[in-house]
Amino acid sequence: MDNTVAVSFEKLVQIMDDLREKCPWDRKQTIETLRPMTIEETYELADAITNKDWQNLKEELGDLLLHILFYAKIGTEQNQFTLQQVIEGICEKLIVRHPHIYGDVTVNNEEDVKRNWEQIKIKEGKTSVLSGVPTALPAMVKAARIQEKAKQVGFEWENKEDVWKKVEEEIGELQQAMQDGHQNEVEAEFGDVLFSLINYARFLKVDAEGALELTNRKFMHRFRRIEEEAKAQGKALQDMTLGEMDAIWNRVKGENH
């Protein structure tokens, strides 16, 4: 590590120590009170990544680094672990799980690396290939992670054409459930459709969560333009017909092409 980086890191550690000792707000924090703030910071980092906002990305990484040091400080106070143990732990994990770099294992591509990773985790005592998927992950992200992990042990479709056939099959089952009028089955089949579409997204090398977020933002931008146009015409949206709003929507949509 560059010595200047080490100095900066030590400076941040010292600031964390000072805040924990001298600041009333920092003194009262626990891992439980930090948890929602850490989640918020993570989503702010995700926003910066989606926006390709490098300046904000740098700042959000700093915020997350501070949170990591905060948890390590509390862990030390509770005699659970130290910052050094956190760092040594991840170092050891990376060395063990990259035998193609630190050992004599040969890999041909990134898929070999992922398969080795999952096999090593099983040897470390993981009871399931899926045990590393966090329960609290958003459902769409979780679905993608589940599929990726299953893939590493060979539970995977051969090609995207077969995956699309599965999507069409699930859509058919959803339509049948709708005709039968059983709401529980409709919900279950709708979930299957989403799961199969996320699977198809993987074969297209598309991040389903990221793609949906881009669509969310596109919709919000266009809808706000409808609101602006309506206001300029002295109208309220609730007083406009769907046809009037749709006309504005199509005009705004055309501006983006």
Protein backbone atom coordinates (compact mmCIF):
# COMPACT_ATOMS: atom_id res chain seq x y z
CA MET A 1 0.00 0.00 0.00
CA ASP A 2 1.14 3.50 -0.83
CA ASN A 3 2.37 5.08 2.41
CA THR A 4 0.15 8.13 1.87
CA VAL A 5 -2.90 5.83 1.73
CA ALA A 6 -1.80 4.15 4.97
CA VAL A 7 -1.38 7.53 6.63
CA SER A 8 -4.84 8.64 5.48
CA PHE A 9 -6.38 5.40 6.73
CA GLU A 10 -4.74 5.79 10.14
CA LYS A 11 -6.00 9.39 10.24
CA LEU A 12 -9.57 8.21 9.66
CA VAL A 13 -9.22 5.53 12.34
CA GLN A 14 -8.00 8.20 14.79
CA ILE A 15 -10.93 10.48 13.90
CA MET A 16 -13.32 7.58 14.54
CA ASP A 17 -11.69 7.03 17.94
CA ASP A 18 -12.01 10.73 18.76
CA LEU A 19 -15.66 10.90 17.74
CA ARG A 20 -16.57 7.81 19.73
CA GLU A 21 -14.92 9.28 22.81
CA LYS A 22 -15.89 12.94 22.58
CA CYS A 23 -19.05 13.34 20.47
CA PRO A 24 -22.38 12.76 22.30
CA TRP A 25 -24.10 11.51 19.15
CA ASP A 26 -21.33 9.12 18.16
CA ARG A 27 -21.02 7.80 21.72
CA LYS A 28 -24.65 6.66 21.84
CA GLN A 29 -24.66 4.75 18.55
CA THR A 30 -24.99 0.95 18.49
CA ILE A 31 -24.89 -1.60 15.69
CA GLU A 32 -28.69 -1.50 15.74
CA THR A 33 -28.94 2.28 15.35
CA LEU A 34 -26.27 2.28 12.63
CA ARG A 35 -27.98 -0.44 10.59
CA PRO A 36 -30.67 1.70 8.86
CA MET A 37 -28.13 4.45 8.18
CA THR A 38 -25.75 1.94 6.62
CA ILE A 39 -28.53 0.65 4.37
CA GLU A 40 -29.33 4.23 3.34
CA GLU A 41 -25.67 4.93 2.57
CA THR A 42 -25.51 1.77 0.47
CA TYR A 43 -28.49 2.89 -1.60
CA GLU A 44 -26.93 6.32 -2.03
CA LEU A 45 -23.82 4.58 -3.34
CA ALA A 46 -26.02 2.57 -5.71
CA ASP A 47 -27.58 5.82 -6.99
CA ALA A 48 -24.14 7.27 -7.66
CA ILE A 49 -23.19 4.14 -9.61
CA THR A 50 -26.41 4.23 -11.65
CA ASN A 51 -25.83 7.92 -12.43
CA LYS A 52 -22.14 7.34 -13.20
CA ASP A 53 -21.54 10.23 -10.81
CA TRP A 54 -17.87 9.69 -9.97
CA GLN A 55 -17.61 12.61 -7.55
CA ASN A 56 -20.59 11.42 -5.55
CA LEU A 57 -19.34 7.83 -5.82
CA LYS A 58 -16.10 8.88 -4.14
CA GLU A 59 -18.00 10.59 -1.31
CA GLU A 60 -20.37 7.67 -0.75
CA LEU A 61 -17.46 5.23 -0.60
CA GLY A 62 -15.98 7.41 2.13
CA ASP A 63 -19.27 7.32 4.05
CA LEU A 64 -19.40 3.53 3.83
CA LEU A 65 -15.77 3.25 4.92
CA LEU A 66 -16.61 5.32 7.98
CA HIS A 67 -19.47 2.96 8.80
CA ILE A 68 -17.14 -0.03 8.54
CA LEU A 69 -14.74 1.59 10.99
CA PHE A 70 -17.67 2.46 13.27
CA TYR A 71 -18.82 -1.18 13.46
CA ALA A 72 -15.24 -2.32 14.05
CA LYS A 73 -14.88 0.22 16.86
CA ILE A 74 -18.04 -1.03 18.54
CA GLY A 75 -16.92 -4.62 18.02
CA THR A 76 -13.67 -3.82 19.82
CA GLU A 77 -15.53 -2.15 22.69
CA GLN A 78 -17.76 -5.22 23.04
CA ASN A 79 -14.71 -7.54 23.00
CA GLN A 80 -16.07 -9.25 19.89
CA PHE A 81 -13.41 -8.41 17.28
CA THR A 82 -10.92 -5.74 16.30
CA LEU A 83 -10.41 -3.74 13.12
CA GLN A 84 -7.21 -5.71 12.50
CA GLN A 85 -9.15 -8.97 12.75
CA VAL A 86 -11.67 -7.65 10.22
CA ILE A 87 -8.88 -6.80 7.78
CA GLU A 88 -6.95 -10.03 8.35
CA GLY A 89 -10.17 -12.00 7.97
CA ILE A 90 -10.95 -10.65 4.53
CA CYS A 91 -7.30 -11.02 3.47
CA GLU A 92 -7.30 -14.68 4.45
CA LYS A 93 -10.66 -15.30 2.77
CA LEU A 94 -9.47 -13.76 -0.50
CA ILE A 95 -6.27 -15.81 -0.48
CA VAL A 96 -8.10 -19.07 0.22
CA ARG A 97 -10.79 -18.40 -2.37
CA HIS A 98 -8.34 -17.45 -5.13
CA PRO A 99 -6.17 -20.56 -5.41
CA HIS A 100 -5.56 -19.70 -9.07
CA ILE A 101 -3.63 -16.66 -7.83
CA TYR A 102 -2.18 -17.85 -4.51
CA GLY A 103 -2.05 -21.57 -5.22
CA ASP A 104 -1.57 -24.06 -8.05
CA VAL A 105 -5.12 -24.15 -9.43
CA THR A 106 -5.58 -23.31 -13.12
CA VAL A 107 -8.66 -21.51 -14.45
CA ASN A 108 -9.69 -20.66 -18.00
CA ASN A 109 -12.25 -17.92 -17.41
CA GLU A 110 -14.38 -16.10 -14.85
CA GLU A 111 -16.92 -18.93 -14.76
CA ASP A 112 -14.21 -21.29 -13.52
CA VAL A 113 -13.39 -18.76 -10.80
CA LYS A 114 -17.03 -18.59 -9.68
CA ARG A 115 -17.37 -22.38 -9.60
CA ASN A 116 -14.20 -22.72 -7.55
CA TRP A 117 -15.47 -20.03 -5.19
CA GLU A 118 -18.70 -21.93 -4.49
CA GLN A 119 -16.88 -25.25 -4.06
CA ILE A 120 -14.46 -23.70 -1.58
CA LYS A 121 -17.34 -22.22 0.44
CA ILE A 122 -18.95 -25.67 0.67
CA LYS A 123 -15.63 -27.07 1.94
CA GLU A 124 -15.56 -24.27 4.52
CA GLY A 125 -18.75 -25.65 6.02
CA LYS A 126 -21.54 -23.94 4.11
CA THR A 127 -24.58 -26.22 4.26
CA SER A 128 -26.01 -25.01 0.95
CA VAL A 129 -24.86 -23.29 -2.20
CA LEU A 130 -27.61 -20.76 -1.48
CA SER A 131 -26.64 -20.12 2.15
CA GLY A 132 -24.70 -16.97 1.25
CA VAL A 133 -27.77 -15.17 -0.12
CA PRO A 134 -28.80 -12.51 2.43
CA THR A 135 -32.41 -12.80 3.58
CA ALA A 136 -32.88 -9.03 3.52
CA LEU A 137 -31.91 -8.55 -0.13
CA PRO A 138 -34.59 -6.94 -2.32
CA ALA A 139 -36.51 -9.72 -4.08
CA MET A 140 -35.27 -8.93 -7.59
CA VAL A 141 -31.62 -8.79 -6.54
CA LYS A 142 -32.09 -11.94 -4.47
CA ALA A 143 -33.55 -13.81 -7.45
CA ALA A 144 -30.51 -12.96 -9.57
CA ARG A 145 -28.12 -14.03 -6.80
CA ILE A 146 -29.98 -17.32 -6.29
CA GLN A 147 -29.79 -18.07 -10.00
CA GLU A 148 -26.10 -17.18 -10.21
CA LYS A 149 -25.27 -19.44 -7.27
CA ALA A 150 -27.29 -22.37 -8.64
CA LYS A 151 -25.46 -21.91 -11.93
CA GLN A 152 -22.09 -22.54 -10.28
CA VAL A 153 -23.00 -26.16 -9.53
CA GLY A 154 -24.42 -26.78 -13.02
CA PHE A 155 -28.10 -26.04 -12.36
CA GLU A 156 -28.47 -23.83 -15.41
CA TRP A 157 -30.25 -23.62 -18.75
CA GLU A 158 -28.32 -24.51 -21.89
CA ASN A 159 -29.21 -21.38 -23.88
CA LYS A 160 -31.34 -18.25 -23.86
CA GLU A 161 -33.85 -19.71 -26.30
CA ASP A 162 -34.85 -22.36 -23.76
CA VAL A 163 -35.07 -19.70 -21.07
CA TRP A 164 -37.43 -17.64 -23.22
CA LYS A 165 -39.61 -20.72 -23.76
CA LYS A 166 -39.81 -20.96 -19.98
CA VAL A 167 -40.87 -17.30 -19.80
CA GLU A 168 -43.64 -17.98 -22.31
CA GLU A 169 -44.67 -21.10 -20.38
CA GLU A 170 -44.91 -19.13 -17.14
CA ILE A 171 -46.92 -16.37 -18.84
CA GLY A 172 -49.34 -19.04 -20.08
CA GLU A 173 -49.72 -20.42 -16.57
CA LEU A 174 -50.37 -16.90 -15.28
CA GLN A 175 -53.07 -16.37 -17.86
CA GLN A 176 -54.67 -19.70 -16.92
CA ALA A 177 -54.63 -18.75 -13.23
CA MET A 178 -56.29 -15.44 -14.12
CA GLN A 179 -59.02 -17.30 -16.01
CA ASP A 180 -59.54 -19.66 -13.06
CA GLY A 181 -59.96 -16.64 -10.79
CA HIS A 182 -57.79 -17.96 -7.94
CA GLN A 183 -55.91 -14.95 -6.55
CA ASN A 184 -53.33 -17.00 -4.65
CA GLU A 185 -52.44 -18.86 -7.85
CA VAL A 186 -52.30 -15.58 -9.78
CA GLU A 187 -49.80 -14.21 -7.26
CA ALA A 188 -47.69 -17.37 -7.38
CA GLU A 189 -47.66 -17.51 -11.19
CA PHE A 190 -46.87 -13.80 -11.43
CA GLY A 191 -43.85 -14.42 -9.21
CA ASP A 192 -42.79 -17.27 -11.50
CA VAL A 193 -43.01 -14.94 -14.51
CA LEU A 194 -40.80 -12.38 -12.81
CA PHE A 195 -38.29 -15.04 -11.73
CA SER A 196 -38.06 -16.44 -15.28
CA LEU A 197 -37.66 -12.94 -16.75
CA ILE A 198 -34.81 -12.22 -14.36
CA ASN A 199 -33.26 -15.49 -15.48
CA TYR A 200 -33.62 -14.40 -19.10
CA ALA A 201 -32.01 -11.05 -18.23
CA ARG A 202 -28.93 -12.93 -17.01
CA PHE A 203 -28.63 -14.67 -20.37
CA LEU A 204 -28.87 -11.28 -22.08
CA LYS A 205 -26.15 -10.02 -19.70
CA VAL A 206 -28.58 -7.42 -18.36
CA ASP A 207 -28.77 -6.40 -14.71
CA ALA A 208 -32.52 -6.74 -14.13
CA GLU A 209 -32.51 -4.48 -11.08
CA GLY A 210 -30.50 -1.80 -12.86
CA ALA A 211 -32.65 -2.03 -15.99
CA LEU A 212 -35.85 -1.61 -13.99
CA GLU A 213 -34.39 1.38 -12.14
CA LEU A 214 -33.54 3.05 -15.45
CA THR A 215 -37.12 2.47 -16.58
CA ASN A 216 -38.42 3.89 -13.28
CA ARG A 217 -36.40 7.03 -13.83
CA LYS A 218 -37.51 7.30 -17.45
CA PHE A 219 -41.17 7.02 -16.41
CA MET A 220 -40.75 9.61 -13.65
CA HIS A 221 -39.09 12.05 -16.05
CA ARG A 222 -41.85 11.69 -18.63
CA PHE A 223 -44.64 11.85 -16.06
CA ARG A 224 -43.21 15.04 -14.58
CA ARG A 225 -43.18 16.50 -18.08
CA ILE A 226 -46.89 15.70 -18.33
CA GLU A 227 -47.41 17.54 -15.05
CA GLU A 228 -45.43 20.53 -16.35
CA GLU A 229 -47.37 20.62 -19.62
CA ALA A 230 -50.68 20.38 -17.79
CA LYS A 231 -49.70 23.21 -15.47
CA ALA A 232 -48.65 25.35 -18.45
CA GLN A 233 -52.12 24.78 -19.90
CA GLY A 234 -53.70 25.73 -16.60
CA LYS A 235 -55.06 22.23 -16.05
CA ALA A 236 -54.87 19.69 -13.22
CA LEU A 237 -54.04 16.11 -14.17
CA GLN A 238 -57.16 14.76 -12.51
CA ASP A 239 -59.24 17.00 -14.79
CA MET A 240 -57.57 15.76 -17.97
CA THR A 241 -58.68 12.75 -19.97
CA LEU A 242 -56.38 9.77 -20.42
CA GLY A 243 -56.22 10.66 -24.11
CA GLU A 244 -54.95 14.16 -23.34
CA MET A 245 -52.30 12.85 -20.98
CA ASP A 246 -51.32 10.13 -23.43
CA ALA A 247 -50.87 12.70 -26.19
CA ILE A 248 -48.42 14.63 -24.01
CA TRP A 249 -46.68 11.37 -23.05
CA ASN A 250 -46.12 10.41 -26.68
CA ARG A 251 -44.80 13.88 -27.48
CA VAL A 252 -42.37 13.73 -24.56
CA LYS A 253 -41.38 10.18 -25.49
CA GLY A 254 -40.58 11.38 -29.00
CA GLU A 255 -38.23 14.01 -27.62
CA ASN A 256 -36.03 11.26 -26.19
CA HIS A 257 -35.37 9.62 -29.54
